Amino acid sequence: MEGMIKIWTSPEPYQVELAKQKLEENGIEAFIINKLETITHAMGEVELYVGEEKVSAAEDILHLFHAENTEE
């Protein structure tokens, strides 16, 4: 995955998928690599990658996304 930078990881696949959707809604292509152990999902993480040139914008979007989803 030359030119791709890992910007976020989580043990929860649904969280990474939601983050990927948010990036794509904002015009940033993103890719997921699932490194969870396949039977129990007890070990490993799911990783989210974007192109090198989009890292800063993606991080800004994810920062706002996480802030919106953790407010109480």
C-alpha atoms as a PDB file:
ATOM      1  CA  MET A   1       0.000   0.000   0.000  1.00  0.00           C
ATOM      2  CA  GLU A   2       2.531   2.502  -1.167  1.00  0.00           C
ATOM      3  CA  GLY A   3       1.543   6.080  -0.474  1.00  0.00           C
ATOM      4  CA  MET A   4      -1.058   5.082   2.099  1.00  0.00           C
ATOM      5  CA  ILE A   5      -0.793   6.195   5.734  1.00  0.00           C
ATOM      6  CA  LYS A   6      -2.500   4.535   8.700  1.00  0.00           C
ATOM      7  CA  ILE A   7      -4.498   7.223  10.497  1.00  0.00           C
ATOM      8  CA  TRP A   8      -6.570   5.258  12.977  1.00  0.00           C
ATOM      9  CA  THR A   9      -6.996   1.832  14.560  1.00  0.00           C
ATOM     10  CA  SER A  10      -9.657   0.225  16.707  1.00  0.00           C
ATOM     11  CA  PRO A  11     -10.546  -3.252  17.954  1.00  0.00           C
ATOM     12  CA  GLU A  12     -14.148  -2.455  16.922  1.00  0.00           C
ATOM     13  CA  PRO A  13     -14.734  -2.942  13.160  1.00  0.00           C
ATOM     14  CA  TYR A  14     -17.974  -0.924  13.159  1.00  0.00           C
ATOM     15  CA  GLN A  15     -16.158   2.162  14.511  1.00  0.00           C
ATOM     16  CA  VAL A  16     -13.599   2.021  11.732  1.00  0.00           C
ATOM     17  CA  GLU A  17     -16.333   1.527   9.128  1.00  0.00           C
ATOM     18  CA  LEU A  18     -18.219   4.593  10.430  1.00  0.00           C
ATOM     19  CA  ALA A  19     -15.012   6.645  10.282  1.00  0.00           C
ATOM     20  CA  LYS A  20     -14.357   5.441   6.722  1.00  0.00           C
ATOM     21  CA  GLN A  21     -17.882   6.451   5.691  1.00  0.00           C
ATOM     22  CA  LYS A  22     -17.395   9.917   7.208  1.00  0.00           C
ATOM     23  CA  LEU A  23     -14.166  10.398   5.255  1.00  0.00           C
ATOM     24  CA  GLU A  24     -15.760   9.244   2.013  1.00  0.00           C
ATOM     25  CA  GLU A  25     -18.720  11.613   2.575  1.00  0.00           C
ATOM     26  CA  ASN A  26     -16.091  14.365   2.587  1.00  0.00           C
ATOM     27  CA  GLY A  27     -14.395  13.220  -0.608  1.00  0.00           C
ATOM     28  CA  ILE A  28     -11.486  11.319   0.964  1.00  0.00           C
ATOM     29  CA  GLU A  29     -10.903   7.792  -0.274  1.00  0.00           C
ATOM     30  CA  ALA A  30     -10.108   5.455   2.620  1.00  0.00           C
ATOM     31  CA  PHE A  31      -9.220   1.799   2.993  1.00  0.00           C
ATOM     32  CA  ILE A  32      -9.665  -0.664   5.854  1.00  0.00           C
ATOM     33  CA  ILE A  33      -7.364  -3.525   6.749  1.00  0.00           C
ATOM     34  CA  ASN A  34      -8.817  -5.978   9.239  1.00  0.00           C
ATOM     35  CA  LYS A  35      -6.073  -7.508  11.383  1.00  0.00           C
ATOM     36  CA  LEU A  36      -8.425  -9.080  13.894  1.00  0.00           C
ATOM     37  CA  GLU A  37      -7.919 -12.745  14.696  1.00  0.00           C
ATOM     38  CA  THR A  38     -10.543 -14.369  12.504  1.00  0.00           C
ATOM     39  CA  ILE A  39     -12.309 -16.799  14.836  1.00  0.00           C
ATOM     40  CA  THR A  40     -12.871 -14.907  18.085  1.00  0.00           C
ATOM     41  CA  HIS A  41     -11.860 -11.337  17.192  1.00  0.00           C
ATOM     42  CA  ALA A  42     -10.195 -11.277  20.606  1.00  0.00           C
ATOM     43  CA  MET A  43      -6.834 -10.043  19.322  1.00  0.00           C
ATOM     44  CA  GLY A  44      -5.756  -7.456  16.802  1.00  0.00           C
ATOM     45  CA  GLU A  45      -7.195  -4.268  15.385  1.00  0.00           C
ATOM     46  CA  VAL A  46      -8.839  -2.849  12.316  1.00  0.00           C
ATOM     47  CA  GLU A  47      -6.769  -0.164  10.593  1.00  0.00           C
ATOM     48  CA  LEU A  48      -7.897   2.824   8.531  1.00  0.00           C
ATOM     49  CA  TYR A  49      -5.656   4.213   5.779  1.00  0.00           C
ATOM     50  CA  VAL A  50      -5.778   7.265   3.513  1.00  0.00           C
ATOM     51  CA  GLY A  51      -3.488   8.638   0.825  1.00  0.00           C
ATOM     52  CA  GLU A  52      -0.446  10.601   1.994  1.00  0.00           C
ATOM     53  CA  GLU A  53      -1.769  13.850   0.559  1.00  0.00           C
ATOM     54  CA  LYS A  54      -5.063  13.527   2.459  1.00  0.00           C
ATOM     55  CA  VAL A  55      -3.721  12.766   5.969  1.00  0.00           C
ATOM     56  CA  SER A  56      -4.164  16.268   7.404  1.00  0.00           C
ATOM     57  CA  ALA A  57      -7.711  16.715   6.087  1.00  0.00           C
ATOM     58  CA  ALA A  58      -8.660  13.190   7.188  1.00  0.00           C
ATOM     59  CA  GLU A  59      -7.326  13.761  10.697  1.00  0.00           C
ATOM     60  CA  ASP A  60      -9.329  17.011  10.969  1.00  0.00           C
ATOM     61  CA  ILE A  61     -12.516  15.265   9.842  1.00  0.00           C
ATOM     62  CA  LEU A  62     -11.996  12.345  12.214  1.00  0.00           C
ATOM     63  CA  HIS A  63     -11.255  14.681  15.121  1.00  0.00           C
ATOM     64  CA  LEU A  64     -14.608  16.419  14.592  1.00  0.00           C
ATOM     65  CA  PHE A  65     -16.354  13.091  14.004  1.00  0.00           C
ATOM     66  CA  HIS A  66     -15.069  11.650  17.274  1.00  0.00           C
ATOM     67  CA  ALA A  67     -15.912  14.839  19.173  1.00  0.00           C
ATOM     68  CA  GLU A  68     -19.489  14.749  17.869  1.00  0.00           C
ATOM     69  CA  ASN A  69     -19.879  11.086  18.834  1.00  0.00           C
ATOM     70  CA  THR A  70     -18.450  11.366  22.346  1.00  0.00           C
ATOM     71  CA  GLU A  71     -20.347  14.443  23.554  1.00  0.00           C
ATOM     72  CA  GLU A  72     -22.753  13.836  26.372  1.00  0.00           C
END
